[in-house]
C-alpha cells in the first residue's frame, strides 16, 4: 500500500472541524443523559477513534462496550446487505441507556441489524450517534439521534475509516481519488 497522498483527492472534514464537532456532540449527549448512566457501544473497527475522542467530552458516567459487525469485506466499497456479528457485547444491556457509536452510516442495513438485535435485549433506551451520515445512500430508515456530519456519496477514509484496512490513523476525513486507487498505474 502506497502513501495515502497518492489516493487523497481532497480533505472533506479537517481535523479542526472534526474535533470542534465532537466537542459539540459531547455537550449534547451529556445534556440529554444528565442524571443517567450511559453505555457507549462502539461498532468496531471504524468507530474506535470517534468514540475515544467523544468520551473525553462526556460529563455523564459512562461505560464502554464493543461490537464487531461485518458487511463489506476487504477491497469492497459497497455493503453486501448481510450483517454478520463477529464480536458481541459482554455486558447485559437490560434496562440500560445504550448509545451506539458508529463511524459512518450508508445504506443502513448493517445498523438496522444491530439495532434489531440490541432492541430485543430490552435496554431502557437505544439511540444512535454517527460521525458521518450518507443520507443519499439510505435504504433503511434509521432514527439517528446525533450526527457529526452529513456527507455526499463519496468514498472516504481516515479518522477510523479504512482504505483496504489502512489509513485509519489519519486525523481528518479524506476523499479517495478513485482513478488513482483503482488504476495505480495511472498515477
Protein backbone atom coordinates (compact mmCIF):
# COMPACT_ATOMS: atom_id res chain seq x y z
CA UNK A 1 0.00 0.00 0.00
CA UNK A 2 1.41 3.35 -1.02
CA UNK A 3 1.45 6.63 0.86
CA UNK A 4 -2.07 7.99 1.43
CA UNK A 5 -1.27 11.18 -0.51
CA UNK A 6 -1.35 9.05 -3.68
CA UNK A 7 -5.04 8.34 -3.10
CA UNK A 8 -6.23 11.58 -1.48
CA UNK A 9 -8.47 13.63 -3.74
CA UNK A 10 -9.47 16.17 -1.09
CA UNK A 11 -9.84 16.64 2.64
CA UNK A 12 -13.57 16.53 3.27
CA UNK A 13 -13.55 17.22 7.03
CA UNK A 14 -10.45 18.75 8.61
CA UNK A 15 -9.01 17.71 11.95
CA UNK A 16 -10.12 21.03 13.44
CA UNK A 17 -13.70 20.64 12.19
CA UNK A 18 -13.86 17.05 13.46
CA UNK A 19 -12.67 17.95 16.93
CA UNK A 20 -14.94 21.00 17.19
CA UNK A 21 -17.99 18.95 16.23
CA UNK A 22 -17.06 16.16 18.66
CA UNK A 23 -16.94 18.71 21.49
CA UNK A 24 -20.45 19.84 20.49
CA UNK A 25 -21.72 16.26 20.33
CA UNK A 26 -20.25 15.55 23.77
CA UNK A 27 -22.11 18.53 25.20
CA UNK A 28 -25.41 17.48 23.54
CA UNK A 29 -25.13 13.89 24.76
CA UNK A 30 -24.13 15.00 28.27
CA UNK A 31 -27.13 17.31 28.42
CA UNK A 32 -29.54 14.64 27.16
CA UNK A 33 -28.30 11.95 29.56
CA UNK A 34 -27.87 14.19 32.62
CA UNK A 35 -28.61 12.13 35.73
CA UNK A 36 -28.36 8.83 33.83
CA UNK A 37 -25.65 6.25 33.39
CA UNK A 38 -24.80 5.60 29.77
CA UNK A 39 -23.36 2.62 27.92
CA UNK A 40 -21.50 3.51 24.73
CA UNK A 41 -21.42 0.64 22.23
CA UNK A 42 -18.70 1.17 19.67
CA UNK A 43 -19.04 -0.57 16.33
CA UNK A 44 -15.54 -1.81 15.51
CA UNK A 45 -13.21 -1.00 13.94
CA UNK A 46 -14.05 2.29 12.35
CA UNK A 47 -15.77 3.81 15.37
CA UNK A 48 -12.83 3.50 17.78
CA UNK A 49 -11.19 6.87 17.16
CA UNK A 50 -14.53 8.66 17.21
CA UNK A 51 -15.68 7.01 20.44
CA UNK A 52 -12.34 7.62 22.15
CA UNK A 53 -12.47 11.33 21.38
CA UNK A 54 -16.20 11.57 22.12
CA UNK A 55 -15.98 10.03 25.57
CA UNK A 56 -13.36 12.62 26.58
CA UNK A 57 -16.10 15.22 26.19
CA UNK A 58 -18.87 13.46 28.11
CA UNK A 59 -19.79 14.77 31.55
CA UNK A 60 -22.05 11.84 32.45
CA UNK A 61 -20.99 8.50 33.92
CA UNK A 62 -20.50 6.04 31.10
CA UNK A 63 -19.16 2.60 30.40
CA UNK A 64 -17.99 1.28 27.05
CA UNK A 65 -18.59 -1.89 25.07
CA UNK A 66 -17.64 -3.10 21.62
CA UNK A 67 -19.33 -4.96 18.79
CA UNK A 68 -17.84 -6.05 15.50
CA UNK A 69 -20.13 -6.34 12.52
CA UNK A 70 -19.07 -7.34 9.04
CA UNK A 71 -20.88 -6.49 5.84
CA UNK A 72 -18.16 -5.31 3.45
CA UNK A 73 -15.01 -7.41 3.17
CA UNK A 74 -11.57 -6.24 2.08
CA UNK A 75 -11.49 -4.37 -1.20
CA UNK A 76 -15.24 -3.79 -1.36
CA UNK A 77 -16.76 -0.34 -1.35
CA UNK A 78 -20.38 -1.40 -1.05
CA UNK A 79 -22.08 -3.39 1.65
CA UNK A 80 -23.32 -6.86 0.85
CA UNK A 81 -26.51 -6.09 2.78
CA UNK A 82 -25.83 -9.09 5.01
CA UNK A 83 -24.70 -8.12 8.51
CA UNK A 84 -22.69 -10.69 10.43
CA UNK A 85 -21.92 -10.14 14.12
CA UNK A 86 -18.31 -11.17 14.66
CA UNK A 87 -17.99 -9.83 18.22
CA UNK A 88 -20.95 -9.47 20.54
CA UNK A 89 -21.33 -7.50 23.77
CA UNK A 90 -20.04 -8.90 27.06
CA UNK A 91 -22.46 -6.72 29.03
CA UNK A 92 -26.14 -7.28 29.69
CA UNK A 93 -27.96 -4.16 28.43
CA UNK A 94 -31.31 -4.85 30.10
CA UNK A 95 -32.71 -1.53 31.41
CA UNK A 96 -29.56 0.40 30.42
CA UNK A 97 -29.33 3.56 28.36
CA UNK A 98 -27.40 2.49 25.27
CA UNK A 99 -25.83 4.76 22.68
CA UNK A 100 -24.45 3.07 19.57
CA UNK A 101 -21.36 4.93 18.33
CA UNK A 102 -20.75 4.43 14.62
CA UNK A 103 -18.23 5.90 12.20
CA UNK A 104 -20.44 6.12 9.12
CA UNK A 105 -23.97 5.18 8.12
CA UNK A 106 -24.51 4.34 4.50
CA UNK A 107 -27.42 2.17 3.36
CA UNK A 108 -28.50 1.49 6.95
CA UNK A 109 -28.76 -2.28 6.55
CA UNK A 110 -25.91 -3.17 8.90
CA UNK A 111 -27.01 -0.76 11.60
CA UNK A 112 -30.63 -1.91 11.29
CA UNK A 113 -29.48 -5.45 12.08
CA UNK A 114 -27.52 -4.23 15.12
CA UNK A 115 -30.44 -2.11 16.38
CA UNK A 116 -32.83 -5.02 15.95
CA UNK A 117 -30.59 -7.34 17.91
CA UNK A 118 -29.90 -4.87 20.71
CA UNK A 119 -33.56 -3.80 20.95
CA UNK A 120 -34.53 -7.41 21.64
CA UNK A 121 -32.36 -7.25 24.79
CA UNK A 122 -34.70 -4.60 26.29
CA UNK A 123 -32.46 -1.62 27.04
CA UNK A 124 -34.03 1.36 28.81
CA UNK A 125 -33.22 3.38 25.68
CA UNK A 126 -31.31 2.78 22.48
CA UNK A 127 -30.04 5.63 20.30
CA UNK A 128 -27.50 6.15 17.55
CA UNK A 129 -24.59 8.57 17.27
CA UNK A 130 -22.73 8.61 13.96
CA UNK A 131 -19.80 10.68 12.89
CA UNK A 132 -20.75 10.61 9.20
CA UNK A 133 -24.14 10.15 7.56
CA UNK A 134 -24.54 9.45 3.84
CA UNK A 135 -28.23 10.29 3.73
CA UNK A 136 -28.44 9.95 -0.07
CA UNK A 137 -27.47 6.25 0.18
CA UNK A 138 -30.03 5.33 2.83
CA UNK A 139 -32.14 2.28 2.01
CA UNK A 140 -33.33 1.55 5.56
CA UNK A 141 -34.80 4.35 7.63
CA UNK A 142 -32.69 4.83 10.75
CA UNK A 143 -33.59 7.24 13.55
CA UNK A 144 -30.21 8.87 14.16
CA UNK A 145 -30.18 10.98 17.28
CA UNK A 146 -26.71 12.51 16.95
CA UNK A 147 -24.91 13.22 13.67
CA UNK A 148 -21.47 14.69 13.28
CA UNK A 149 -21.62 15.50 9.56
CA UNK A 150 -23.93 14.71 6.66
CA UNK A 151 -21.78 13.95 3.65
CA UNK A 152 -22.32 13.35 -0.04
CA UNK A 153 -21.93 9.91 -1.56
CA UNK A 154 -18.13 9.90 -1.65
CA UNK A 155 -15.68 7.12 -0.80
CA UNK A 156 -13.98 8.41 2.36
CA UNK A 157 -11.13 7.31 4.59
CA UNK A 158 -9.19 8.49 7.62
CA UNK A 159 -10.10 9.10 11.26
CA UNK A 160 -11.02 5.47 11.84
CA UNK A 161 -12.33 4.74 8.36
CA UNK A 162 -10.09 2.48 6.34
CA UNK A 163 -8.94 2.18 2.78
CA UNK A 164 -8.38 -1.59 2.46
CA UNK A 165 -7.65 -1.67 6.22
CA UNK A 166 -5.06 1.15 6.08
CA UNK A 167 -5.01 4.87 6.96
CA UNK A 168 -7.41 4.71 9.93
CA UNK A 169 -4.85 6.80 11.83
CA UNK A 170 -5.27 9.96 9.76
CA UNK A 171 -6.60 12.89 11.82
CA UNK A 172 -9.02 14.04 9.07
CA UNK A 173 -11.63 12.57 6.74
CA UNK A 174 -10.37 12.40 3.17
CA UNK A 175 -12.00 11.52 -0.13
CA UNK A 176 -10.41 8.73 -2.16
CA UNK A 177 -9.30 9.57 -5.67
CA UNK A 178 -10.88 6.50 -7.26
CA UNK A 179 -8.99 6.91 -10.55
CA UNK A 180 -5.65 6.62 -8.78
CA UNK A 181 -6.81 3.98 -6.27
CA UNK A 182 -8.42 1.68 -8.82
CA UNK A 183 -5.78 2.28 -11.50
CA UNK A 184 -2.44 2.67 -9.65
CA UNK A 185 -0.50 2.68 -12.96
CA UNK A 186 -2.33 5.88 -13.95
CA UNK A 187 -0.73 7.89 -11.13
